[in-house]
Amino acid sequence: YELRRRRAFRPPACQVFAQPYTLLEETDRFRFSIDPEAERQLPSIIHNKVQIISGKAKVPKAVAERYTRRQNIGIVFSGGPAPGGHNVIAGLFDAAQRVNPENRVFGFRVGPDGVIENEAVEITREFVDDYRNLGGFTMIKTGRAKIDSKQKIDLSRETCKALGLDALVIVGGDDSNTNAAFLAQELVNDGIQVIGVPKTIDGDIQVRDDQGQVLCAVSFGFHTAARAFANAISGLANDASSDIKYYHVCKVMGRVASHLALEVALQAHPNITIIGEDLVDFVDEERLEKAAKENRIDYTAYGMTLRHLSRIICEGIVKRAGAGKNYGIIVIPEGVLEFVNEVEVFIMKLNTIIAEYNRTHDRDFHSAFPSLQGKLEYLHRLAQRSRDDSAFRLWNTRDEDLFNDLPEFFQEGLLTERDSHGNFQFSQIHTERVLMGLVQDYLNILKEKGIYKIGIDAAYFRKALAKAGLDPDRFGPALFQNFGKGHFLLTKAAIISAKTLRQELERAGLIGPEEKLPEVIDKIYKKTVPSFKVQEHFYGYDGRG
């Protein structure tokens, strides 16, 4: 019943589509600076103006004839699936049939490979009705191939001509739409339109003109993903505040964009959210001030390092612990490491090394060096080469030393195989494990320094001591650095163990050297000692490999 109901649902259409005719009208409202390289490679389409869809009740006869002429349209999915894909096909089919029942729509199977190999299926009323309002891209499947060579473009042109296509609709993300632009350039003289439909869960197709006006605020897929992830993380927050013993670290997909993590944060209100784009403009004012006093410039003060990022997270954890909350939710975008200085440099260098190897060898890099040890040995040879050849600077001995200091799992992640678009696969690297390992190490240091402590509710302290027959006003000043000044009490920095606790009480004359530590005091002390426990979660579609 539920499936039938879902298939029968008809989403409301924009008012403009209620008119018998919809026309495209150019507008000068939006202005863009033209990139010289884009202009060189896309000369026939780069100066296209933004077009506004307008609904018309009547149009001239010539326009009506052109509007209703018989057309063949192709559609293909590219990249990861997202809710709403089937309705793009349904909407296209319904509109084509409404304009002219003789119009035909063809779906290309398994992504761009279907276009290259002419693997097409005609979309019929029965076919499309089976998939209306259903998630996934199962109707015609999807793929990650790129139409990025003369041979592939020529084969795609042959496919379009064989099917008599007037237009090809490519549903995909930023890479897919970039690829679509190049294909449009190649097919423009053939009279075949290429139309890109922005689809990405990452939310990183946001078009703004030079005045900051937004053309594509939200792509389909993003809204559903944000809502689903926010609901799941909200439920996790309830768990965290119920068992009060874990930090749940939630890695949210989005590749190098933090839009999804930010939207989840706005909806679910986690305790800590890292936004990668904010790290780019980070300036360590303290380091700059220190360097200025020493009459020098500290360039490392610009941008975020892994160490500094981990310490920012630690600062939030310590503050929460001081308020009696040694638990919570941390949201991390999967691509946050690209915004960290040393990691970004490694990714760029390794991308270049792998691409150059693949360009000059018969076997690709990962086939030639299947093990981590083999990859490290190859990098070692490059580092040696940098010593012998001063002109070779891509990978030097300093790079090698820094890379060898990284945990093995992190090395494997940085050397993982790139996706079909040549992008680093952030979903394949344990970002949260890298960060939390550094966080754990620094929290241990802060614990030893007497900084990382769990605050004790002042009312609980008074109640517990009174019940045990002890005077809280006598013991409080000896135990706590802020006794009488706050809702949560923090033990003195010197109290970092049972021994130092005893020493403080003896110094205050509250117990003798041979006296046993009062049981209630021991119990309260143990409550102030934090144990940092983490549970890791990944939210997203891990299908990029």
Protein backbone atom coordinates (compact mmCIF):
# COMPACT_ATOMS: atom_id res chain seq x y z
CA TYR A 1 0.00 0.00 0.00
CA GLU A 2 2.76 2.45 0.99
CA LEU A 3 4.64 1.78 -2.26
CA ARG A 4 1.50 2.35 -4.35
CA ARG A 5 0.80 5.55 -2.46
CA ARG A 6 4.33 6.81 -3.04
CA ARG A 7 4.21 6.02 -6.76
CA ALA A 8 0.83 7.76 -7.13
CA PHE A 9 2.01 10.98 -5.49
CA ARG A 10 2.46 13.95 -7.83
CA PRO A 11 4.81 16.64 -6.45
CA PRO A 12 3.54 20.18 -6.94
CA ALA A 13 5.13 21.92 -9.94
CA CYS A 14 6.38 25.50 -10.04
CA GLN A 15 3.66 27.93 -11.12
CA VAL A 16 5.54 28.74 -14.31
CA PHE A 17 4.93 25.20 -15.58
CA ALA A 18 1.16 25.58 -15.25
CA GLN A 19 1.13 27.63 -18.46
CA PRO A 20 0.73 25.92 -21.88
CA TYR A 21 4.11 27.22 -23.03
CA THR A 22 7.40 27.78 -21.22
CA LEU A 23 10.06 29.88 -22.93
CA LEU A 24 13.63 30.78 -22.10
CA GLU A 25 14.40 34.49 -21.92
CA GLU A 26 17.93 35.88 -21.55
CA THR A 27 18.60 38.27 -18.67
CA ASP A 28 21.43 40.69 -17.86
CA ARG A 29 20.71 40.58 -14.13
CA PHE A 30 23.65 38.25 -13.49
CA ARG A 31 27.25 39.06 -14.38
CA PHE A 32 30.25 36.79 -14.21
CA SER A 33 33.99 37.34 -14.58
CA ILE A 34 35.24 35.07 -17.35
CA ASP A 35 38.21 32.86 -16.52
CA PRO A 36 40.72 33.14 -19.43
CA GLU A 37 41.42 29.39 -19.51
CA ALA A 38 37.69 28.56 -19.49
CA GLU A 39 37.19 31.04 -22.33
CA ARG A 40 39.99 29.41 -24.31
CA GLN A 41 38.59 25.89 -23.88
CA LEU A 42 34.86 26.71 -24.07
CA PRO A 43 34.68 29.54 -26.63
CA SER A 44 31.26 28.61 -28.05
CA ILE A 45 29.36 28.46 -24.76
CA ILE A 46 31.28 30.57 -22.22
CA HIS A 47 29.42 33.77 -23.12
CA ASN A 48 25.93 32.21 -22.84
CA LYS A 49 23.72 34.46 -20.76
CA VAL A 50 21.60 33.30 -17.84
CA GLN A 51 18.11 32.38 -19.02
CA ILE A 52 14.90 32.75 -17.07
CA ILE A 53 11.96 30.36 -17.60
CA SER A 54 8.74 32.23 -18.25
CA GLY A 55 5.26 30.80 -18.70
CA LYS A 56 3.09 31.94 -21.60
CA ALA A 57 -0.60 31.36 -22.29
CA LYS A 58 -0.16 32.24 -25.98
CA VAL A 59 2.81 32.50 -28.33
CA PRO A 60 3.17 33.35 -32.05
CA LYS A 61 2.41 30.50 -34.46
CA ALA A 62 6.07 30.08 -35.47
CA VAL A 63 7.13 29.79 -31.82
CA ALA A 64 4.34 27.30 -31.11
CA GLU A 65 5.40 25.13 -34.05
CA ARG A 66 9.00 25.16 -32.91
CA TYR A 67 7.95 24.46 -29.32
CA THR A 68 5.82 21.43 -30.23
CA ARG A 69 8.09 19.92 -32.87
CA ARG A 70 8.98 16.26 -32.33
CA GLN A 71 12.19 15.82 -30.30
CA ASN A 72 14.39 13.03 -28.95
CA ILE A 73 16.02 13.61 -25.57
CA GLY A 74 18.64 11.55 -23.77
CA ILE A 75 19.27 11.48 -20.02
CA VAL A 76 22.12 9.99 -17.99
CA PHE A 77 23.03 9.82 -14.31
CA SER A 78 26.64 10.49 -13.34
CA GLY A 79 28.28 10.06 -9.94
CA GLY A 80 26.76 8.93 -6.66
CA PRO A 81 23.00 8.40 -6.28
CA ALA A 82 20.78 10.94 -4.57
CA PRO A 83 17.05 10.98 -3.72
CA GLY A 84 15.10 12.69 -6.49
CA GLY A 85 16.93 11.22 -9.47
CA HIS A 86 13.97 9.19 -10.70
CA ASN A 87 11.74 12.25 -10.51
CA VAL A 88 14.11 14.14 -12.80
CA ILE A 89 13.43 11.44 -15.40
CA ALA A 90 9.69 11.47 -14.60
CA GLY A 91 9.51 15.27 -14.87
CA LEU A 92 11.41 15.26 -18.16
CA PHE A 93 9.23 12.49 -19.58
CA ASP A 94 5.94 14.11 -18.46
CA ALA A 95 6.93 17.49 -19.90
CA ALA A 96 8.08 15.97 -23.20
CA GLN A 97 4.84 14.01 -23.57
CA ARG A 98 2.69 17.01 -22.67
CA VAL A 99 4.32 19.12 -25.38
CA ASN A 100 4.20 16.39 -28.04
CA PRO A 101 3.14 12.77 -27.44
CA GLU A 102 5.55 11.71 -30.20
CA ASN A 103 8.57 12.98 -28.26
CA ARG A 104 10.90 10.21 -27.13
CA VAL A 105 13.15 10.05 -24.06
CA PHE A 106 16.11 7.66 -23.84
CA GLY A 107 17.91 6.72 -20.63
CA PHE A 108 21.57 5.71 -20.83
CA ARG A 109 22.47 2.77 -18.63
CA VAL A 110 25.24 2.79 -16.00
CA GLY A 111 26.28 6.39 -16.38
CA PRO A 112 28.41 8.06 -19.07
CA ASP A 113 29.66 4.66 -20.28
CA GLY A 114 26.12 4.16 -21.59
CA VAL A 115 26.48 7.25 -23.77
CA ILE A 116 29.91 6.18 -25.04
CA GLU A 117 28.73 2.63 -25.82
CA ASN A 118 25.16 3.52 -26.90
CA GLU A 119 23.58 1.46 -24.13
CA ALA A 120 20.20 3.18 -24.15
CA VAL A 121 16.71 2.21 -23.11
CA GLU A 122 13.59 4.10 -24.16
CA ILE A 123 11.64 5.57 -21.26
CA THR A 124 7.97 4.61 -21.47
CA ARG A 125 4.97 5.56 -19.34
CA GLU A 126 4.90 2.12 -17.68
CA PHE A 127 8.65 2.20 -17.06
CA VAL A 128 8.70 5.64 -15.47
CA ASP A 129 5.58 4.99 -13.35
CA ASP A 130 7.34 2.04 -11.67
CA TYR A 131 10.00 4.38 -10.26
CA ARG A 132 8.15 7.60 -9.50
CA ASN A 133 9.07 9.11 -6.11
CA LEU A 134 11.42 6.21 -5.30
CA GLY A 135 14.96 6.79 -4.09
CA GLY A 136 18.18 5.73 -5.75
CA PHE A 137 19.20 5.67 -9.41
CA THR A 138 18.10 2.09 -9.99
CA MET A 139 15.98 2.90 -13.04
CA ILE A 140 18.95 3.34 -15.37
CA LYS A 141 21.80 3.00 -12.82
CA THR A 142 24.75 5.38 -12.57
CA GLY A 143 28.49 5.37 -13.14
CA ARG A 144 31.61 7.45 -12.69
CA ALA A 145 33.16 7.32 -16.15
CA LYS A 146 34.25 10.58 -17.80
CA ILE A 147 33.77 11.57 -21.41
CA ASP A 148 37.20 13.17 -21.39
CA SER A 149 39.07 12.13 -24.54
CA LYS A 150 38.64 12.71 -28.27
CA GLN A 151 37.79 9.05 -28.79
CA LYS A 152 35.08 9.08 -26.10
CA ILE A 153 33.66 12.36 -27.39
CA ASP A 154 33.54 10.99 -30.96
CA LEU A 155 31.76 7.84 -29.74
CA SER A 156 29.30 9.96 -27.73
CA ARG A 157 28.61 12.08 -30.81
CA GLU A 158 27.92 8.91 -32.83
CA THR A 159 25.49 7.72 -30.13
CA CYS A 160 23.61 11.02 -30.08
CA LYS A 161 23.35 11.08 -33.87
CA ALA A 162 22.29 7.43 -34.08
CA LEU A 163 19.40 8.14 -31.70
CA GLY A 164 18.63 11.47 -33.37
CA LEU A 165 19.02 13.33 -30.06
CA ASP A 166 18.19 17.00 -29.89
CA ALA A 167 19.43 17.24 -26.32
CA LEU A 168 21.37 15.26 -23.73
CA VAL A 169 20.61 15.83 -20.04
CA ILE A 170 23.46 15.01 -17.62
CA VAL A 171 22.46 14.68 -13.97
CA GLY A 172 25.52 14.99 -11.75
CA GLY A 173 27.72 16.92 -9.37
CA ASP A 174 30.52 19.42 -9.89
CA ASP A 175 32.82 17.05 -11.82
CA SER A 176 29.97 15.73 -13.95
CA ASN A 177 28.70 19.20 -14.83
CA THR A 178 32.22 20.36 -15.68
CA ASN A 179 32.48 17.35 -17.98
CA ALA A 180 29.05 18.25 -19.41
CA ALA A 181 30.31 21.75 -20.27
CA PHE A 182 33.20 20.33 -22.30
CA LEU A 183 30.82 17.92 -24.06
CA ALA A 184 28.48 20.83 -24.84
CA GLN A 185 31.37 22.67 -26.45
CA GLU A 186 32.15 19.65 -28.64
CA LEU A 187 28.52 19.06 -29.70
CA VAL A 188 27.43 22.65 -30.25
CA ASN A 189 28.11 22.53 -34.00
CA ASP A 190 26.10 19.31 -34.24
CA GLY A 191 23.01 21.11 -32.98
CA ILE A 192 22.83 18.90 -29.87
CA GLN A 193 22.12 20.67 -26.59
CA VAL A 194 23.84 19.43 -23.43
CA ILE A 195 21.94 20.34 -20.26
CA GLY A 196 23.40 19.89 -16.79
CA VAL A 197 21.15 19.17 -13.81
CA PRO A 198 22.91 19.89 -10.48
CA LYS A 199 22.77 16.80 -8.30
CA THR A 200 25.02 16.43 -5.29
CA ILE A 201 24.69 15.40 -1.68
CA ASP A 202 27.86 17.41 -1.00
CA GLY A 203 26.04 20.70 -1.64
CA ASP A 204 29.10 22.13 -3.40
CA ILE A 205 27.37 23.37 -6.56
CA GLN A 206 26.49 26.86 -5.43
CA VAL A 207 26.60 29.39 -8.26
CA ARG A 208 27.05 33.05 -7.35
CA ASP A 209 27.67 35.93 -9.72
CA ASP A 210 30.09 38.83 -9.20
CA GLN A 211 27.51 40.63 -7.04
CA GLY A 212 26.97 37.60 -4.84
CA GLN A 213 23.54 36.75 -6.26
CA VAL A 214 22.76 33.06 -5.87
CA LEU A 215 21.65 31.02 -8.88
CA CYS A 216 21.77 27.53 -7.39
CA ALA A 217 21.34 27.63 -3.64
CA VAL A 218 20.58 23.94 -3.01
CA SER A 219 20.98 20.97 -5.32
CA PHE A 220 18.63 18.03 -5.02
CA GLY A 221 20.02 15.28 -2.81
CA PHE A 222 21.54 17.73 -0.34
CA HIS A 223 18.30 18.54 1.48
CA THR A 224 17.37 14.88 2.00
CA ALA A 225 20.87 13.93 3.13
CA ALA A 226 21.03 16.83 5.59
CA ARG A 227 17.64 15.95 7.06
CA ALA A 228 18.47 12.23 7.37
CA PHE A 229 21.89 12.82 8.91
CA ALA A 230 20.57 15.51 11.27
CA ASN A 231 17.80 13.19 12.49
CA ALA A 232 20.28 10.38 13.09
CA ILE A 233 22.76 12.64 14.90
CA SER A 234 19.96 14.16 17.00
CA GLY A 235 19.08 10.65 18.13
CA LEU A 236 22.74 10.02 18.89
CA ALA A 237 22.79 13.20 21.00
CA ASN A 238 19.98 11.73 23.12
CA ASP A 239 22.04 8.57 23.60
CA ALA A 240 25.14 10.60 24.51
CA SER A 241 23.30 12.60 27.17
CA SER A 242 21.67 9.43 28.51
CA ASP A 243 24.68 7.17 29.12
CA ILE A 244 27.03 10.20 29.63
CA LYS A 245 30.27 8.34 28.86
CA TYR A 246 31.04 8.73 25.13
CA TYR A 247 32.04 11.38 22.66
CA HIS A 248 30.37 10.39 19.40
CA VAL A 249 32.53 11.56 16.51
CA CYS A 250 30.39 11.85 13.38
CA LYS A 251 32.16 12.11 10.03
CA VAL A 252 29.76 13.59 7.49
CA MET A 253 30.30 13.18 3.75
CA GLY A 254 30.81 16.11 1.43
CA ARG A 255 34.30 15.54 0.07
CA VAL A 256 36.15 18.90 0.37
CA ALA A 257 32.99 20.92 1.09
CA SER A 258 31.63 21.38 4.61
CA HIS A 259 28.12 22.45 3.55
CA LEU A 260 26.51 19.20 4.71
CA ALA A 261 28.31 19.28 8.07
CA LEU A 262 27.22 22.89 8.58
CA GLU A 263 23.58 22.16 7.70
CA VAL A 264 23.60 19.17 10.06
CA ALA A 265 25.02 21.42 12.78
CA LEU A 266 22.30 24.02 12.24
CA GLN A 267 19.60 21.35 12.51
CA ALA A 268 21.00 18.97 15.16
CA HIS A 269 23.08 21.36 17.35
CA PRO A 270 26.08 19.10 18.09
CA ASN A 271 28.56 20.27 20.71
CA ILE A 272 31.49 20.77 18.34
CA THR A 273 31.43 21.15 14.55
CA ILE A 274 34.53 21.67 12.45
CA ILE A 275 34.01 23.70 9.26
CA GLY A 276 36.89 23.19 6.86
CA GLU A 277 36.42 26.47 4.98
CA ASP A 278 36.89 28.41 8.25
CA LEU A 279 40.32 26.86 8.72
CA VAL A 280 41.65 28.39 5.48
CA ASP A 281 41.53 31.92 6.87
CA PHE A 282 42.75 30.99 10.34
CA VAL A 283 45.55 33.18 11.70
CA ASP A 284 47.34 32.33 14.94
CA GLU A 285 47.61 35.82 16.42
CA GLU A 286 49.65 34.63 19.41
CA ARG A 287 52.35 33.16 17.16
CA LEU A 288 52.43 36.32 15.05
CA GLU A 289 52.78 38.47 18.16
CA LYS A 290 55.57 36.28 19.50
CA ALA A 291 57.40 36.38 16.14
CA ALA A 292 57.04 40.18 15.94
CA LYS A 293 58.73 40.55 19.32
CA GLU A 294 61.61 38.47 17.96
CA ASN A 295 61.77 40.61 14.82
CA ARG A 296 60.77 37.84 12.41
CA ILE A 297 57.76 36.59 10.42
CA ASP A 298 56.23 33.23 11.32
CA TYR A 299 54.58 32.02 8.10
CA THR A 300 53.32 28.90 9.87
CA ALA A 301 50.93 31.16 11.83
CA TYR A 302 48.79 31.41 8.70
CA GLY A 303 46.44 28.49 8.17
CA MET A 304 45.59 25.56 10.40
CA THR A 305 47.87 22.68 11.39
CA LEU A 306 46.73 19.24 12.55
CA ARG A 307 48.20 19.90 15.97
CA HIS A 308 46.38 23.20 16.38
CA LEU A 309 43.08 21.77 15.15
CA SER A 310 43.29 18.93 17.65
CA ARG A 311 43.95 21.47 20.42
CA ILE A 312 40.90 23.51 19.47
CA ILE A 313 38.82 20.34 19.86
CA CYS A 314 40.53 19.64 23.19
CA GLU A 315 39.66 23.14 24.39
CA GLY A 316 35.97 22.44 23.80
CA ILE A 317 36.16 19.04 25.50
CA VAL A 318 37.93 20.50 28.56
CA LYS A 319 35.36 23.29 28.91
CA ARG A 320 32.49 20.81 28.75
CA ALA A 321 34.21 18.55 31.27
CA GLY A 322 34.55 21.50 33.63
CA ALA A 323 30.76 21.87 33.45
CA GLY A 324 30.35 18.21 34.39
CA LYS A 325 29.81 16.98 30.82
CA ASN A 326 32.49 14.55 29.68
CA TYR A 327 30.44 13.43 26.69
CA GLY A 328 28.95 14.91 23.56
CA ILE A 329 28.73 15.03 19.77
CA ILE A 330 31.53 16.15 17.43
CA VAL A 331 30.73 16.61 13.72
CA ILE A 332 33.61 16.52 11.25
CA PRO A 333 33.29 16.94 7.46
CA GLU A 334 35.07 14.09 5.67
CA GLY A 335 37.29 16.48 3.71
CA VAL A 336 38.40 18.69 6.60
CA LEU A 337 41.99 17.46 6.29
CA GLU A 338 42.35 19.19 2.92
CA PHE A 339 42.12 22.50 4.79
CA VAL A 340 44.97 21.53 7.13
CA ASN A 341 48.32 22.89 5.94
CA GLU A 342 50.61 19.86 6.04
CA VAL A 343 47.91 17.43 4.86
CA GLU A 344 46.96 19.66 1.91
CA VAL A 345 50.61 19.79 0.83
CA PHE A 346 50.92 15.99 1.07
CA ILE A 347 47.73 15.46 -0.95
CA MET A 348 48.84 17.83 -3.72
CA LYS A 349 52.30 16.29 -3.91
CA LEU A 350 51.08 12.70 -3.85
CA ASN A 351 48.37 13.48 -6.44
CA THR A 352 51.11 14.79 -8.74
CA ILE A 353 53.42 11.84 -8.06
CA ILE A 354 50.67 9.27 -8.75
CA ALA A 355 49.41 11.10 -11.87
CA GLU A 356 52.93 11.46 -13.27
CA TYR A 357 53.68 7.78 -12.64
CA ASN A 358 50.45 6.72 -14.37
CA ARG A 359 51.23 9.02 -17.31
CA THR A 360 54.67 7.53 -17.93
CA HIS A 361 54.27 3.84 -17.03
CA ASP A 362 52.29 0.95 -18.53
CA ARG A 363 51.06 -0.20 -15.09
CA ASP A 364 49.31 2.26 -12.86
CA PHE A 365 50.85 3.30 -9.55
CA HIS A 366 48.63 1.17 -7.31
CA SER A 367 49.07 -1.96 -9.46
CA ALA A 368 52.82 -1.48 -9.53
CA PHE A 369 53.00 -0.94 -5.75
CA PRO A 370 50.10 -2.86 -4.14
CA SER A 371 51.59 -2.79 -0.62
CA LEU A 372 52.26 0.21 1.60
CA GLN A 373 55.89 -0.84 1.90
CA GLY A 374 56.29 -0.79 -1.89
CA LYS A 375 54.81 2.71 -2.09
CA LEU A 376 57.08 3.97 0.70
CA GLU A 377 60.14 2.51 -1.03
CA TYR A 378 59.21 4.36 -4.24
CA LEU A 379 58.81 7.62 -2.29
CA HIS A 380 62.20 6.96 -0.68
CA ARG A 381 63.77 6.70 -4.14
CA LEU A 382 62.21 10.06 -5.05
CA ALA A 383 63.62 11.60 -1.86
CA GLN A 384 67.08 10.26 -2.76
CA ARG A 385 66.68 11.73 -6.23
CA SER A 386 66.03 15.16 -4.70
CA ARG A 387 69.46 14.96 -3.02
CA ASP A 388 71.21 14.14 -6.29
CA ASP A 389 69.16 16.45 -8.54
CA SER A 390 68.60 19.96 -7.17
CA ALA A 391 66.01 20.62 -9.88
CA PHE A 392 63.76 17.84 -8.53
CA ARG A 393 61.74 19.29 -5.64
CA LEU A 394 58.50 17.35 -5.75
CA TRP A 395 59.40 14.98 -2.90
CA ASN A 396 62.41 15.70 -0.71
CA THR A 397 63.96 14.22 2.42
CA ARG A 398 61.98 16.60 4.67
CA ASP A 399 58.73 15.39 3.05
CA GLU A 400 59.85 11.81 3.63
CA ASP A 401 60.69 12.43 7.29
CA LEU A 402 57.35 14.14 7.98
CA PHE A 403 55.43 11.43 6.11
CA ASN A 404 57.20 8.64 8.00
CA ASP A 405 56.13 10.24 11.30
CA LEU A 406 52.44 9.71 10.39
CA PRO A 407 50.57 6.62 11.66
CA GLU A 408 50.58 3.74 9.19
CA PHE A 409 46.81 3.84 8.62
CA PHE A 410 47.08 7.55 7.78
CA GLN A 411 49.90 6.90 5.31
CA GLU A 412 47.75 4.25 3.63
CA GLY A 413 44.86 6.71 3.48
CA LEU A 414 46.94 9.44 1.84
CA LEU A 415 48.26 6.93 -0.71
CA THR A 416 44.85 5.42 -1.45
CA GLU A 417 43.76 5.11 -5.07
CA ARG A 418 42.19 8.28 -6.48
CA ASP A 419 38.68 8.16 -7.92
CA SER A 420 37.89 8.14 -11.63
CA HIS A 421 37.92 11.95 -11.66
CA GLY A 422 41.41 12.01 -10.12
CA ASN A 423 40.08 13.29 -6.78
CA PHE A 424 41.47 12.23 -3.43
CA GLN A 425 38.90 9.94 -1.77
CA PHE A 426 38.34 11.49 1.64
CA SER A 427 35.66 8.93 2.47
CA GLN A 428 38.39 6.25 2.37
CA ILE A 429 40.58 7.92 5.00
CA HIS A 430 39.88 7.70 8.73
CA THR A 431 39.79 11.47 9.30
CA GLU A 432 38.17 11.07 12.69
CA ARG A 433 40.78 8.54 13.83
CA VAL A 434 43.64 10.86 12.84
CA LEU A 435 42.17 13.80 14.74
CA MET A 436 40.97 11.84 17.76
CA GLY A 437 44.37 10.19 18.14
CA LEU A 438 45.96 13.63 18.48
CA VAL A 439 43.13 14.79 20.75
CA GLN A 440 43.59 11.76 23.02
CA ASP A 441 47.34 12.41 23.30
CA TYR A 442 46.89 16.06 24.21
CA LEU A 443 44.06 15.35 26.68
CA ASN A 444 46.42 12.99 28.50
CA ILE A 445 48.95 15.83 28.74
CA LEU A 446 46.25 18.19 30.04
CA LYS A 447 45.19 15.57 32.56
CA GLU A 448 48.76 15.31 33.86
CA LYS A 449 48.89 19.11 34.14
CA GLY A 450 45.67 19.11 36.18
CA ILE A 451 43.72 21.02 33.51
CA TYR A 452 41.41 18.31 32.14
CA LYS A 453 38.99 17.54 34.97
CA ILE A 454 35.29 16.85 35.37
CA GLY A 455 33.43 19.47 37.36
CA ILE A 456 31.47 18.35 40.43
CA ASP A 457 28.04 19.79 41.06
CA ALA A 458 28.38 22.01 44.16
CA ALA A 459 25.00 20.93 45.54
CA TYR A 460 25.94 17.26 45.14
CA PHE A 461 29.25 17.86 46.97
CA ARG A 462 27.51 19.48 49.93
CA LYS A 463 24.84 16.80 50.09
CA ALA A 464 27.36 13.93 49.87
CA LEU A 465 29.64 15.30 52.58
CA ALA A 466 26.77 16.18 54.91
CA LYS A 467 25.43 12.64 54.54
CA ALA A 468 28.88 11.28 55.46
CA GLY A 469 29.05 13.55 58.52
CA LEU A 470 31.78 15.80 57.11
CA ASP A 471 31.77 19.59 56.87
CA PRO A 472 31.77 20.64 53.17
CA ASP A 473 33.00 24.14 54.10
CA ARG A 474 36.14 22.65 55.66
CA PHE A 475 36.94 20.18 52.87
CA GLY A 476 35.81 22.36 49.94
CA PRO A 477 38.67 24.94 50.02
CA ALA A 478 41.26 22.16 50.27
CA LEU A 479 39.85 20.25 47.32
CA PHE A 480 38.59 22.83 44.85
CA GLN A 481 40.18 25.82 43.12
CA ASN A 482 36.83 27.64 42.80
CA PHE A 483 34.97 26.56 45.92
CA GLY A 484 32.03 28.86 46.61
CA LYS A 485 32.33 30.58 43.23
CA GLY A 486 30.55 28.38 40.75
CA HIS A 487 27.86 25.81 40.11
CA PHE A 488 30.49 23.22 39.17
CA LEU A 489 33.59 22.74 41.28
CA LEU A 490 37.02 21.96 39.81
CA THR A 491 39.63 20.19 41.90
CA LYS A 492 42.92 22.02 42.30
CA ALA A 493 45.44 21.66 39.47
CA ALA A 494 47.87 19.93 41.87
CA ILE A 495 45.40 17.09 42.50
CA ILE A 496 46.14 14.64 39.66
CA SER A 497 46.21 11.36 41.60
CA ALA A 498 45.07 9.71 44.84
CA LYS A 499 48.51 10.51 46.30
CA THR A 500 48.33 14.23 45.50
CA LEU A 501 44.77 14.27 46.86
CA ARG A 502 45.99 12.89 50.16
CA GLN A 503 48.85 15.39 50.22
CA GLU A 504 46.43 18.32 49.86
CA LEU A 505 44.19 17.04 52.64
CA GLU A 506 47.15 16.44 54.96
CA ARG A 507 48.53 19.91 54.17
CA ALA A 508 45.15 21.38 55.16
CA GLY A 509 45.15 19.38 58.39
CA LEU A 510 42.00 17.53 57.45
CA ILE A 511 43.50 14.03 57.80
CA GLY A 512 46.62 12.66 59.47
CA PRO A 513 49.42 10.68 57.75
CA GLU A 514 48.06 7.38 59.08
CA GLU A 515 44.39 8.18 58.61
CA LYS A 516 42.40 6.49 55.89
CA LEU A 517 41.07 8.75 53.14
CA PRO A 518 37.35 9.36 53.80
CA GLU A 519 35.36 7.13 51.46
CA VAL A 520 33.13 9.97 50.25
CA ILE A 521 36.17 12.10 49.35
CA ASP A 522 37.70 9.21 47.41
CA LYS A 523 34.38 8.70 45.59
CA ILE A 524 34.10 12.37 44.67
CA TYR A 525 37.72 12.50 43.49
CA LYS A 526 37.15 9.53 41.16
CA LYS A 527 34.19 11.36 39.63
CA THR A 528 36.52 14.24 38.70
CA VAL A 529 38.94 11.99 36.77
CA PRO A 530 37.93 12.00 33.09
CA SER A 531 38.05 8.96 30.86
CA PHE A 532 37.90 10.01 27.20
CA LYS A 533 35.94 7.39 25.26
CA VAL A 534 35.07 7.74 21.59
CA GLN A 535 32.61 6.07 19.26
CA GLU A 536 33.04 6.78 15.54
CA HIS A 537 30.25 7.08 12.97
CA PHE A 538 30.19 7.78 9.24
CA TYR A 539 27.19 9.41 7.60
CA GLY A 540 27.10 9.22 3.83
CA TYR A 541 27.23 7.20 0.67
CA ASP A 542 30.63 5.50 0.54
CA GLY A 543 30.51 4.59 -3.14
CA ARG A 544 33.24 6.72 -4.65
CA GLY A 545 35.79 3.93 -4.96
